[in-house]
Amino acid sequence: MWVNMTFPDIELYVYPVPTRVLEFHIVSVEELTQPATLATSLTFPPGYLRAFRYNLACELAPEFGVEPSPQVQRIAMASKRNLKRINNPEDIMSLPYMLVGNRQRFNIYAGNY
């Protein structure tokens, strides 16, 4: 995979060209170059707005002298747990056993094992 760091988009090239449809998940750890304003429109994947809303409610409740209801606390915990589960899958970069289980080395010059 080759990454061309063009601005504002990044181009990814896969070689050799896959023979079937593949799905890639790409995580960026780059900070935003410009701060968001109140007029900035942000788009989040499903589940994020629910987590923001209920966890913010739990965070702000003590400032107003109230205790969030157990249902709000449960939803906040469940939504946060769902985001962690979505963002940290256990099968990242796994290979089929047929490739890993074979101890032979592939000869790139001959094209065989």
PDB file of N, CA and C in Angstrom:
ATOM      1  N   MET A   1       0.849  -1.164   0.000  1.00  0.00           N
ATOM      2  CA  MET A   1       0.000   0.000   0.000  1.00  0.00           C
ATOM      3  C   MET A   1       0.899   1.233   0.000  1.00  0.00           C
ATOM      4  N   TRP A   2       0.615   2.166  -0.901  1.00  0.00           N
ATOM      5  CA  TRP A   2       1.390   3.398  -0.979  1.00  0.00           C
ATOM      6  C   TRP A   2       0.481   4.574  -0.674  1.00  0.00           C
ATOM      7  N   VAL A   3       0.948   5.484   0.170  1.00  0.00           N
ATOM      8  CA  VAL A   3       0.165   6.635   0.595  1.00  0.00           C
ATOM      9  C   VAL A   3       0.763   7.884  -0.035  1.00  0.00           C
ATOM     10  N   ASN A   4      -0.065   8.622  -0.772  1.00  0.00           N
ATOM     11  CA  ASN A   4       0.339   9.889  -1.357  1.00  0.00           C
ATOM     12  C   ASN A   4      -0.279  10.995  -0.518  1.00  0.00           C
ATOM     13  N   MET A   5       0.546  11.711   0.223  1.00  0.00           N
ATOM     14  CA  MET A   5       0.072  12.723   1.160  1.00  0.00           C
ATOM     15  C   MET A   5      -0.260  14.026   0.443  1.00  0.00           C
ATOM     16  N   THR A   6      -1.306  14.033  -0.359  1.00  0.00           N
ATOM     17  CA  THR A   6      -1.749  15.250  -1.027  1.00  0.00           C
ATOM     18  C   THR A   6      -2.675  16.012  -0.096  1.00  0.00           C
ATOM     19  N   PHE A   7      -2.839  17.288  -0.372  1.00  0.00           N
ATOM     20  CA  PHE A   7      -3.711  18.101   0.476  1.00  0.00           C
ATOM     21  C   PHE A   7      -4.880  18.583  -0.340  1.00  0.00           C
ATOM     22  N   PRO A   8      -6.093  18.555   0.094  1.00  0.00           N
ATOM     23  CA  PRO A   8      -6.560  18.221   1.436  1.00  0.00           C
ATOM     24  C   PRO A   8      -6.849  16.737   1.610  1.00  0.00           C
ATOM     25  N   ASP A   9      -6.793  15.974   0.533  1.00  0.00           N
ATOM     26  CA  ASP A   9      -7.091  14.548   0.624  1.00  0.00           C
ATOM     27  C   ASP A   9      -5.809  13.721   0.587  1.00  0.00           C
ATOM     28  N   ILE A  10      -5.898  12.513   1.054  1.00  0.00           N
ATOM     29  CA  ILE A  10      -4.782  11.573   1.000  1.00  0.00           C
ATOM     30  C   ILE A  10      -5.180  10.463   0.027  1.00  0.00           C
ATOM     31  N   GLU A  11      -4.279  10.117  -0.859  1.00  0.00           N
ATOM     32  CA  GLU A  11      -4.562   9.065  -1.835  1.00  0.00           C
ATOM     33  C   GLU A  11      -3.847   7.780  -1.415  1.00  0.00           C
ATOM     34  N   LEU A  12      -4.561   6.664  -1.439  1.00  0.00           N
ATOM     35  CA  LEU A  12      -4.003   5.358  -1.109  1.00  0.00           C
ATOM     36  C   LEU A  12      -4.019   4.491  -2.360  1.00  0.00           C
ATOM     37  N   TYR A  13      -2.895   3.870  -2.649  1.00  0.00           N
ATOM     38  CA  TYR A  13      -2.788   2.970  -3.792  1.00  0.00           C
ATOM     39  C   TYR A  13      -2.423   1.584  -3.292  1.00  0.00           C
ATOM     40  N   VAL A  14      -3.161   0.589  -3.744  1.00  0.00           N
ATOM     41  CA  VAL A  14      -2.931  -0.792  -3.337  1.00  0.00           C
ATOM     42  C   VAL A  14      -2.332  -1.544  -4.521  1.00  0.00           C
ATOM     43  N   TYR A  15      -1.206  -2.216  -4.267  1.00  0.00           N
ATOM     44  CA  TYR A  15      -0.578  -3.021  -5.305  1.00  0.00           C
ATOM     45  C   TYR A  15      -0.126  -4.342  -4.700  1.00  0.00           C
ATOM     46  N   PRO A  16      -0.372  -5.438  -5.279  1.00  0.00           N
ATOM     47  CA  PRO A  16      -1.088  -5.637  -6.536  1.00  0.00           C
ATOM     48  C   PRO A  16      -2.571  -5.359  -6.359  1.00  0.00           C
ATOM     49  N   VAL A  17      -3.242  -5.087  -7.453  1.00  0.00           N
ATOM     50  CA  VAL A  17      -4.659  -4.756  -7.418  1.00  0.00           C
ATOM     51  C   VAL A  17      -5.423  -5.977  -6.905  1.00  0.00           C
ATOM     52  N   PRO A  18      -6.255  -5.793  -5.890  1.00  0.00           N
ATOM     53  CA  PRO A  18      -6.993  -6.933  -5.322  1.00  0.00           C
ATOM     54  C   PRO A  18      -7.939  -7.552  -6.352  1.00  0.00           C
ATOM     55  N   THR A  19      -8.145  -8.852  -6.238  1.00  0.00           N
ATOM     56  CA  THR A  19      -9.045  -9.553  -7.147  1.00  0.00           C
ATOM     57  C   THR A  19     -10.470  -9.613  -6.608  1.00  0.00           C
ATOM     58  N   ARG A  20     -10.667  -9.152  -5.381  1.00  0.00           N
ATOM     59  CA  ARG A  20     -12.013  -9.085  -4.802  1.00  0.00           C
ATOM     60  C   ARG A  20     -12.129  -7.793  -4.017  1.00  0.00           C
ATOM     61  N   VAL A  21     -13.349  -7.463  -3.631  1.00  0.00           N
ATOM     62  CA  VAL A  21     -13.608  -6.225  -2.909  1.00  0.00           C
ATOM     63  C   VAL A  21     -13.047  -6.344  -1.491  1.00  0.00           C
ATOM     64  N   LEU A  22     -12.250  -5.364  -1.087  1.00  0.00           N
ATOM     65  CA  LEU A  22     -11.679  -5.330   0.258  1.00  0.00           C
ATOM     66  C   LEU A  22     -12.197  -4.105   0.988  1.00  0.00           C
ATOM     67  N   GLU A  23     -12.200  -4.169   2.294  1.00  0.00           N
ATOM     68  CA  GLU A  23     -12.625  -3.045   3.118  1.00  0.00           C
ATOM     69  C   GLU A  23     -11.465  -2.635   4.006  1.00  0.00           C
ATOM     70  N   PHE A  24     -11.102  -1.360   3.957  1.00  0.00           N
ATOM     71  CA  PHE A  24     -10.006  -0.840   4.760  1.00  0.00           C
ATOM     72  C   PHE A  24     -10.556   0.106   5.812  1.00  0.00           C
ATOM     73  N   HIS A  25     -10.004   0.029   7.015  1.00  0.00           N
ATOM     74  CA  HIS A  25     -10.336   0.958   8.094  1.00  0.00           C
ATOM     75  C   HIS A  25      -9.070   1.741   8.417  1.00  0.00           C
ATOM     76  N   ILE A  26      -9.142   3.042   8.263  1.00  0.00           N
ATOM     77  CA  ILE A  26      -7.961   3.868   8.444  1.00  0.00           C
ATOM     78  C   ILE A  26      -8.199   4.809   9.615  1.00  0.00           C
ATOM     79  N   VAL A  27      -7.252   4.845  10.534  1.00  0.00           N
ATOM     80  CA  VAL A  27      -7.344   5.693  11.710  1.00  0.00           C
ATOM     81  C   VAL A  27      -6.276   6.768  11.600  1.00  0.00           C
ATOM     82  N   SER A  28      -6.676   7.999  11.783  1.00  0.00           N
ATOM     83  CA  SER A  28      -5.738   9.113  11.716  1.00  0.00           C
ATOM     84  C   SER A  28      -5.531   9.680  13.112  1.00  0.00           C
ATOM     85  N   VAL A  29      -4.298   9.914  13.465  1.00  0.00           N
ATOM     86  CA  VAL A  29      -3.992  10.507  14.759  1.00  0.00           C
ATOM     87  C   VAL A  29      -3.533  11.956  14.610  1.00  0.00           C
ATOM     88  N   GLU A  30      -3.739  12.515  13.425  1.00  0.00           N
ATOM     89  CA  GLU A  30      -3.377  13.904  13.171  1.00  0.00           C
ATOM     90  C   GLU A  30      -4.331  14.836  13.899  1.00  0.00           C
ATOM     91  N   GLU A  31      -3.799  15.907  14.449  1.00  0.00           N
ATOM     92  CA  GLU A  31      -4.644  16.910  15.070  1.00  0.00           C
ATOM     93  C   GLU A  31      -5.273  17.783  13.993  1.00  0.00           C
ATOM     94  N   LEU A  32      -6.418  18.387  14.335  1.00  0.00           N
ATOM     95  CA  LEU A  32      -7.038  19.320  13.405  1.00  0.00           C
ATOM     96  C   LEU A  32      -6.145  20.536  13.242  1.00  0.00           C
ATOM     97  N   THR A  33      -5.967  20.988  12.006  1.00  0.00           N
ATOM     98  CA  THR A  33      -5.084  22.129  11.775  1.00  0.00           C
ATOM     99  C   THR A  33      -5.777  23.451  12.086  1.00  0.00           C
ATOM    100  N   GLN A  34      -7.098  23.477  11.952  1.00  0.00           N
ATOM    101  CA  GLN A  34      -7.846  24.696  12.252  1.00  0.00           C
ATOM    102  C   GLN A  34      -8.876  24.376  13.327  1.00  0.00           C
ATOM    103  N   PRO A  35      -9.036  25.258  14.303  1.00  0.00           N
ATOM    104  CA  PRO A  35     -10.018  24.980  15.349  1.00  0.00           C
ATOM    105  C   PRO A  35     -11.440  25.083  14.809  1.00  0.00           C
ATOM    106  N   ALA A  36     -12.300  24.275  15.346  1.00  0.00           N
ATOM    107  CA  ALA A  36     -13.707  24.314  14.948  1.00  0.00           C
ATOM    108  C   ALA A  36     -14.387  25.510  15.589  1.00  0.00           C
ATOM    109  N   THR A  37     -15.313  26.107  14.877  1.00  0.00           N
ATOM    110  CA  THR A  37     -16.110  27.214  15.408  1.00  0.00           C
ATOM    111  C   THR A  37     -17.536  26.726  15.607  1.00  0.00           C
ATOM    112  N   LEU A  38     -18.398  27.588  16.113  1.00  0.00           N
ATOM    113  CA  LEU A  38     -19.790  27.212  16.306  1.00  0.00           C
ATOM    114  C   LEU A  38     -20.491  26.964  14.973  1.00  0.00           C
ATOM    115  N   ALA A  39     -19.963  27.553  13.905  1.00  0.00           N
ATOM    116  CA  ALA A  39     -20.567  27.385  12.582  1.00  0.00           C
ATOM    117  C   ALA A  39     -20.027  26.152  11.850  1.00  0.00           C
ATOM    118  N   THR A  40     -19.022  25.491  12.406  1.00  0.00           N
ATOM    119  CA  THR A  40     -18.437  24.324  11.762  1.00  0.00           C
ATOM    120  C   THR A  40     -19.389  23.139  11.866  1.00  0.00           C
ATOM    121  N   SER A  41     -19.650  22.510  10.746  1.00  0.00           N
ATOM    122  CA  SER A  41     -20.511  21.335  10.715  1.00  0.00           C
ATOM    123  C   SER A  41     -19.639  20.085  10.862  1.00  0.00           C
ATOM    124  N   LEU A  42     -19.882  19.306  11.909  1.00  0.00           N
ATOM    125  CA  LEU A  42     -19.107  18.096  12.168  1.00  0.00           C
ATOM    126  C   LEU A  42     -19.973  16.870  11.894  1.00  0.00           C
ATOM    127  N   THR A  43     -19.372  15.862  11.318  1.00  0.00           N
ATOM    128  CA  THR A  43     -20.069  14.621  11.026  1.00  0.00           C
ATOM    129  C   THR A  43     -19.412  13.490  11.802  1.00  0.00           C
ATOM    130  N   PHE A  44     -20.222  12.727  12.507  1.00  0.00           N
ATOM    131  CA  PHE A  44     -19.711  11.624  13.316  1.00  0.00           C
ATOM    132  C   PHE A  44     -20.361  10.321  12.880  1.00  0.00           C
ATOM    133  N   PRO A  45     -19.671   9.202  13.042  1.00  0.00           N
ATOM    134  CA  PRO A  45     -20.270   7.895  12.740  1.00  0.00           C
ATOM    135  C   PRO A  45     -21.426   7.596  13.689  1.00  0.00           C
ATOM    136  N   PRO A  46     -22.253   6.617  13.334  1.00  0.00           N
ATOM    137  CA  PRO A  46     -23.385   6.265  14.201  1.00  0.00           C
ATOM    138  C   PRO A  46     -22.927   5.897  15.612  1.00  0.00           C
ATOM    139  N   GLY A  47     -23.660   6.353  16.600  1.00  0.00           N
ATOM    140  CA  GLY A  47     -23.369   6.026  17.988  1.00  0.00           C
ATOM    141  C   GLY A  47     -22.633   7.118  18.736  1.00  0.00           C
ATOM    142  N   TYR A  48     -21.910   7.980  18.039  1.00  0.00           N
ATOM    143  CA  TYR A  48     -21.121   9.004  18.706  1.00  0.00           C
ATOM    144  C   TYR A  48     -21.991  10.078  19.349  1.00  0.00           C
ATOM    145  N   LEU A  49     -23.013  10.535  18.650  1.00  0.00           N
ATOM    146  CA  LEU A  49     -23.848  11.604  19.213  1.00  0.00           C
ATOM    147  C   LEU A  49     -24.571  11.135  20.467  1.00  0.00           C
ATOM    148  N   ARG A  50     -25.003   9.877  20.478  1.00  0.00           N
ATOM    149  CA  ARG A  50     -25.648   9.331  21.671  1.00  0.00           C
ATOM    150  C   ARG A  50     -24.663   9.298  22.835  1.00  0.00           C
ATOM    151  N   ALA A  51     -23.442   8.866  22.573  1.00  0.00           N
ATOM    152  CA  ALA A  51     -22.424   8.821  23.623  1.00  0.00           C
ATOM    153  C   ALA A  51     -22.106  10.227  24.118  1.00  0.00           C
ATOM    154  N   PHE A  52     -21.977  11.177  23.199  1.00  0.00           N
ATOM    155  CA  PHE A  52     -21.712  12.563  23.608  1.00  0.00           C
ATOM    156  C   PHE A  52     -22.833  13.088  24.488  1.00  0.00           C
ATOM    157  N   ARG A  53     -24.071  12.887  24.064  1.00  0.00           N
ATOM    158  CA  ARG A  53     -25.223  13.457  24.767  1.00  0.00           C
ATOM    159  C   ARG A  53     -25.332  12.901  26.195  1.00  0.00           C
ATOM    160  N   TYR A  54     -25.295  11.596  26.343  1.00  0.00           N
ATOM    161  CA  TYR A  54     -25.535  11.005  27.665  1.00  0.00           C
ATOM    162  C   TYR A  54     -24.319  11.137  28.592  1.00  0.00           C
ATOM    163  N   ASN A  55     -23.112  11.065  28.058  1.00  0.00           N
ATOM    164  CA  ASN A  55     -21.937  11.261  28.908  1.00  0.00           C
ATOM    165  C   ASN A  55     -21.801  12.716  29.318  1.00  0.00           C
ATOM    166  N   LEU A  56     -22.200  13.639  28.441  1.00  0.00           N
ATOM    167  CA  LEU A  56     -22.204  15.052  28.818  1.00  0.00           C
ATOM    168  C   LEU A  56     -23.229  15.310  29.909  1.00  0.00           C
ATOM    169  N   ALA A  57     -24.380  14.647  29.832  1.00  0.00           N
ATOM    170  CA  ALA A  57     -25.395  14.798  30.875  1.00  0.00           C
ATOM    171  C   ALA A  57     -24.856  14.335  32.226  1.00  0.00           C
ATOM    172  N   CYS A  58     -24.139  13.222  32.238  1.00  0.00           N
ATOM    173  CA  CYS A  58     -23.546  12.728  33.493  1.00  0.00           C
ATOM    174  C   CYS A  58     -22.463  13.668  33.998  1.00  0.00           C
ATOM    175  N   GLU A  59     -21.730  14.267  33.081  1.00  0.00           N
ATOM    176  CA  GLU A  59     -20.641  15.176  33.463  1.00  0.00           C
ATOM    177  C   GLU A  59     -21.174  16.492  34.033  1.00  0.00           C
ATOM    178  N   LEU A  60     -22.260  17.005  33.455  1.00  0.00           N
ATOM    179  CA  LEU A  60     -22.776  18.317  33.869  1.00  0.00           C
ATOM    180  C   LEU A  60     -23.768  18.264  35.019  1.00  0.00           C
ATOM    181  N   ALA A  61     -24.323  17.104  35.316  1.00  0.00           N
ATOM    182  CA  ALA A  61     -25.351  16.994  36.353  1.00  0.00           C
ATOM    183  C   ALA A  61     -24.894  17.536  37.709  1.00  0.00           C
ATOM    184  N   PRO A  62     -23.694  17.222  38.204  1.00  0.00           N
ATOM    185  CA  PRO A  62     -23.292  17.747  39.513  1.00  0.00           C
ATOM    186  C   PRO A  62     -23.207  19.282  39.559  1.00  0.00           C
ATOM    187  N   GLU A  63     -22.916  19.911  38.432  1.00  0.00           N
ATOM    188  CA  GLU A  63     -22.857  21.378  38.419  1.00  0.00           C
ATOM    189  C   GLU A  63     -24.224  22.008  38.657  1.00  0.00           C
ATOM    190  N   PHE A  64     -25.299  21.261  38.361  1.00  0.00           N
ATOM    191  CA  PHE A  64     -26.648  21.757  38.576  1.00  0.00           C
ATOM    192  C   PHE A  64     -27.263  21.196  39.852  1.00  0.00           C
ATOM    193  N   GLY A  65     -26.449  20.482  40.636  1.00  0.00           N
ATOM    194  CA  GLY A  65     -26.911  19.970  41.922  1.00  0.00           C
ATOM    195  C   GLY A  65     -27.869  18.804  41.816  1.00  0.00           C
ATOM    196  N   VAL A  66     -27.815  18.056  40.727  1.00  0.00           N
ATOM    197  CA  VAL A  66     -28.689  16.896  40.574  1.00  0.00           C
ATOM    198  C   VAL A  66     -27.846  15.658  40.289  1.00  0.00           C
ATOM    199  N   GLU A  67     -28.423  14.530  40.563  1.00  0.00           N
ATOM    200  CA  GLU A  67     -27.789  13.248  40.270  1.00  0.00           C
ATOM    201  C   GLU A  67     -28.451  12.689  39.012  1.00  0.00           C
ATOM    202  N   PRO A  68     -27.658  12.307  37.994  1.00  0.00           N
ATOM    203  CA  PRO A  68     -28.298  11.727  36.799  1.00  0.00           C
ATOM    204  C   PRO A  68     -29.012  10.430  37.151  1.00  0.00           C
ATOM    205  N   SER A  69     -30.118  10.214  36.489  1.00  0.00           N
ATOM    206  CA  SER A  69     -30.908   9.012  36.783  1.00  0.00           C
ATOM    207  C   SER A  69     -30.100   7.763  36.428  1.00  0.00           C
ATOM    208  N   PRO A  70     -30.414   6.644  37.064  1.00  0.00           N
ATOM    209  CA  PRO A  70     -29.699   5.401  36.746  1.00  0.00           C
ATOM    210  C   PRO A  70     -29.811   5.012  35.266  1.00  0.00           C
ATOM    211  N   GLN A  71     -30.952   5.342  34.659  1.00  0.00           N
ATOM    212  CA  GLN A  71     -31.120   5.020  33.248  1.00  0.00           C
ATOM    213  C   GLN A  71     -30.165   5.832  32.383  1.00  0.00           C
ATOM    214  N   VAL A  72     -29.999   7.118  32.692  1.00  0.00           N
ATOM    215  CA  VAL A  72     -29.057   7.955  31.943  1.00  0.00           C
ATOM    216  C   VAL A  72     -27.632   7.445  32.152  1.00  0.00           C
ATOM    217  N   GLN A  73     -27.284   7.059  33.351  1.00  0.00           N
ATOM    218  CA  GLN A  73     -25.952   6.519  33.619  1.00  0.00           C
ATOM    219  C   GLN A  73     -25.712   5.219  32.863  1.00  0.00           C
ATOM    220  N   ARG A  74     -26.740   4.353  32.819  1.00  0.00           N
ATOM    221  CA  ARG A  74     -26.617   3.093  32.081  1.00  0.00           C
ATOM    222  C   ARG A  74     -26.427   3.339  30.587  1.00  0.00           C
ATOM    223  N   ILE A  75     -27.207   4.260  30.036  1.00  0.00           N
ATOM    224  CA  ILE A  75     -27.085   4.555  28.604  1.00  0.00           C
ATOM    225  C   ILE A  75     -25.716   5.146  28.312  1.00  0.00           C
ATOM    226  N   ALA A  76     -25.222   6.013  29.193  1.00  0.00           N
ATOM    227  CA  ALA A  76     -23.896   6.618  28.995  1.00  0.00           C
ATOM    228  C   ALA A  76     -22.811   5.547  28.998  1.00  0.00           C
ATOM    229  N   MET A  77     -22.881   4.629  29.953  1.00  0.00           N
ATOM    230  CA  MET A  77     -21.873   3.566  30.015  1.00  0.00           C
ATOM    231  C   MET A  77     -21.971   2.632  28.812  1.00  0.00           C
ATOM    232  N   ALA A  78     -23.189   2.274  28.424  1.00  0.00           N
ATOM    233  CA  ALA A  78     -23.369   1.355  27.301  1.00  0.00           C
ATOM    234  C   ALA A  78     -22.912   1.993  25.988  1.00  0.00           C
ATOM    235  N   SER A  79     -23.230   3.269  25.801  1.00  0.00           N
ATOM    236  CA  SER A  79     -22.831   3.928  24.553  1.00  0.00           C
ATOM    237  C   SER A  79     -21.320   4.085  24.474  1.00  0.00           C
ATOM    238  N   LYS A  80     -20.683   4.370  25.584  1.00  0.00           N
ATOM    239  CA  LYS A  80     -19.220   4.475  25.602  1.00  0.00           C
ATOM    240  C   LYS A  80     -18.579   3.108  25.362  1.00  0.00           C
ATOM    241  N   ARG A  81     -19.146   2.079  25.947  1.00  0.00           N
ATOM    242  CA  ARG A  81     -18.643   0.729  25.746  1.00  0.00           C
ATOM    243  C   ARG A  81     -18.787   0.302  24.283  1.00  0.00           C
ATOM    244  N   ASN A  82     -19.908   0.677  23.654  1.00  0.00           N
ATOM    245  CA  ASN A  82     -20.110   0.349  22.242  1.00  0.00           C
ATOM    246  C   ASN A  82     -19.082   1.035  21.355  1.00  0.00           C
ATOM    247  N   LEU A  83     -18.752   2.288  21.658  1.00  0.00           N
ATOM    248  CA  LEU A  83     -17.740   2.992  20.869  1.00  0.00           C
ATOM    249  C   LEU A  83     -16.373   2.344  21.031  1.00  0.00           C
ATOM    250  N   LYS A  84     -16.044   1.923  22.246  1.00  0.00           N
ATOM    251  CA  LYS A  84     -14.769   1.235  22.462  1.00  0.00           C
ATOM    252  C   LYS A  84     -14.727  -0.080  21.696  1.00  0.00           C
ATOM    253  N   ARG A  85     -15.842  -0.788  21.680  1.00  0.00           N
ATOM    254  CA  ARG A  85     -15.902  -2.064  20.976  1.00  0.00           C
ATOM    255  C   ARG A  85     -15.759  -1.856  19.468  1.00  0.00           C
ATOM    256  N   ILE A  86     -16.393  -0.827  18.944  1.00  0.00           N
ATOM    257  CA  ILE A  86     -16.317  -0.547  17.506  1.00  0.00           C
ATOM    258  C   ILE A  86     -14.904  -0.115  17.115  1.00  0.00           C
ATOM    259  N   ASN A  87     -14.283   0.706  17.930  1.00  0.00           N
ATOM    260  CA  ASN A  87     -12.977   1.279  17.583  1.00  0.00           C
ATOM    261  C   ASN A  87     -11.795   0.390  17.922  1.00  0.00           C
ATOM    262  N   ASN A  88     -11.998  -0.677  18.679  1.00  0.00           N
ATOM    263  CA  ASN A  88     -10.908  -1.581  19.044  1.00  0.00           C
ATOM    264  C   ASN A  88     -11.271  -3.023  18.739  1.00  0.00           C
ATOM    265  N   PRO A  89     -11.484  -3.352  17.475  1.00  0.00           N
ATOM    266  CA  PRO A  89     -11.810  -4.747  17.184  1.00  0.00           C
ATOM    267  C   PRO A  89     -10.612  -5.639  17.464  1.00  0.00           C
ATOM    268  N   GLU A  90     -10.896  -6.881  17.846  1.00  0.00           N
ATOM    269  CA  GLU A  90      -9.824  -7.797  18.218  1.00  0.00           C
ATOM    270  C   GLU A  90      -9.126  -8.422  17.022  1.00  0.00           C
ATOM    271  N   ASP A  91      -9.760  -8.382  15.855  1.00  0.00           N
ATOM    272  CA  ASP A  91      -9.198  -9.077  14.704  1.00  0.00           C
ATOM    273  C   ASP A  91      -8.462  -8.146  13.742  1.00  0.00           C
ATOM    274  N   ILE A  92      -7.851  -7.109  14.262  1.00  0.00           N
ATOM    275  CA  ILE A  92      -7.105  -6.190  13.410  1.00  0.00           C
ATOM    276  C   ILE A  92      -5.869  -6.895  12.869  1.00  0.00           C
ATOM    277  N   MET A  93      -5.663  -6.770  11.586  1.00  0.00           N
ATOM    278  CA  MET A  93      -4.483  -7.296  10.907  1.00  0.00           C
ATOM    279  C   MET A  93      -4.314  -8.802  11.086  1.00  0.00           C
ATOM    280  N   SER A  94      -5.405  -9.535  11.121  1.00  0.00           N
ATOM    281  CA  SER A  94      -5.277 -10.979  11.215  1.00  0.00           C
ATOM    282  C   SER A  94      -5.129 -11.569   9.819  1.00  0.00           C
ATOM    283  N   LEU A  95      -4.414 -12.659   9.747  1.00  0.00           N
ATOM    284  CA  LEU A  95      -4.189 -13.353   8.488  1.00  0.00           C
ATOM    285  C   LEU A  95      -4.840 -14.722   8.547  1.00  0.00           C
ATOM    286  N   PRO A  96      -5.269 -15.251   7.412  1.00  0.00           N
ATOM    287  CA  PRO A  96      -5.828 -16.607   7.411  1.00  0.00           C
ATOM    288  C   PRO A  96      -4.798 -17.615   7.908  1.00  0.00           C
ATOM    289  N   TYR A  97      -5.280 -18.645   8.585  1.00  0.00           N
ATOM    290  CA  TYR A  97      -4.381 -19.648   9.155  1.00  0.00           C
ATOM    291  C   TYR A  97      -3.558 -20.345   8.082  1.00  0.00           C
ATOM    292  N   MET A  98      -4.123 -20.508   6.891  1.00  0.00           N
ATOM    293  CA  MET A  98      -3.400 -21.184   5.818  1.00  0.00           C
ATOM    294  C   MET A  98      -2.117 -20.428   5.455  1.00  0.00           C
ATOM    295  N   LEU A  99      -2.106 -19.112   5.626  1.00  0.00           N
ATOM    296  CA  LEU A  99      -0.897 -18.341   5.351  1.00  0.00           C
ATOM    297  C   LEU A  99       0.067 -18.359   6.532  1.00  0.00           C
ATOM    298  N   VAL A 100      -0.489 -18.277   7.740  1.00  0.00           N
ATOM    299  CA  VAL A 100       0.345 -18.203   8.938  1.00  0.00           C
ATOM    300  C   VAL A 100       0.858 -19.574   9.342  1.00  0.00           C
ATOM    301  N   GLY A 101       0.038 -20.610   9.162  1.00  0.00           N
ATOM    302  CA  GLY A 101       0.397 -21.946   9.596  1.00  0.00           C
ATOM    303  C   GLY A 101       1.499 -22.581   8.762  1.00  0.00           C
ATOM    304  N   ASN A 102       1.750 -22.065   7.593  1.00  0.00           N
ATOM    305  CA  ASN A 102       2.779 -22.617   6.713  1.00  0.00           C
ATOM    306  C   ASN A 102       4.129 -22.015   7.099  1.00  0.00           C
ATOM    307  N   ARG A 103       5.071 -22.839   7.483  1.00  0.00           N
ATOM    308  CA  ARG A 103       6.377 -22.354   7.936  1.00  0.00           C
ATOM    309  C   ARG A 103       7.350 -22.106   6.793  1.00  0.00           C
ATOM    310  N   GLN A 104       6.978 -22.471   5.572  1.00  0.00           N
ATOM    311  CA  GLN A 104       7.878 -22.270   4.451  1.00  0.00           C
ATOM    312  C   GLN A 104       7.917 -20.796   4.074  1.00  0.00           C
ATOM    313  N   ARG A 105       9.017 -20.388   3.491  1.00  0.00           N
ATOM    314  CA  ARG A 105       9.161 -19.007   3.040  1.00  0.00           C
ATOM    315  C   ARG A 105       8.843 -18.914   1.559  1.00  0.00           C
ATOM    316  N   PHE A 106       8.193 -17.832   1.197  1.00  0.00           N
ATOM    317  CA  PHE A 106       7.837 -17.610  -0.202  1.00  0.00           C
ATOM    318  C   PHE A 106       9.041 -17.066  -0.952  1.00  0.00           C
ATOM    319  N   ASN A 107       9.358 -17.638  -2.096  1.00  0.00           N
ATOM    320  CA  ASN A 107      10.466 -17.202  -2.939  1.00  0.00           C
ATOM    321  C   ASN A 107       9.920 -16.201  -3.947  1.00  0.00           C
ATOM    322  N   ILE A 108      10.259 -14.915  -3.766  1.00  0.00           N
ATOM    323  CA  ILE A 108       9.717 -13.892  -4.662  1.00  0.00           C
ATOM    324  C   ILE A 108      10.285 -13.993  -6.064  1.00  0.00           C
ATOM    325  N   TYR A 109      11.454 -14.591  -6.214  1.00  0.00           N
ATOM    326  CA  TYR A 109      12.053 -14.712  -7.537  1.00  0.00           C
ATOM    327  C   TYR A 109      11.440 -15.858  -8.350  1.00  0.00           C
ATOM    328  N   ALA A 110      11.147 -16.971  -7.677  1.00  0.00           N
ATOM    329  CA  ALA A 110      10.568 -18.120  -8.359  1.00  0.00           C
ATOM    330  C   ALA A 110       9.041 -18.070  -8.368  1.00  0.00           C
ATOM    331  N   GLY A 111       8.441 -17.315  -7.445  1.00  0.00           N
ATOM    332  CA  GLY A 111       6.980 -17.229  -7.371  1.00  0.00           C
ATOM    333  C   GLY A 111       6.339 -18.411  -6.713  1.00  0.00           C
ATOM    334  N   ASN A 112       7.093 -19.133  -5.873  1.00  0.00           N
ATOM    335  CA  ASN A 112       6.531 -20.297  -5.181  1.00  0.00           C
ATOM    336  C   ASN A 112       7.178 -20.441  -3.807  1.00  0.00           C
ATOM    337  N   TYR A 113       6.783 -21.508  -3.085  1.00  0.00           N
ATOM    338  CA  TYR A 113       7.344 -21.785  -1.765  1.00  0.00           C
ATOM    339  C   TYR A 113       8.532 -22.706  -1.860  1.00  0.00           C
TER     340      TYR A 113
END
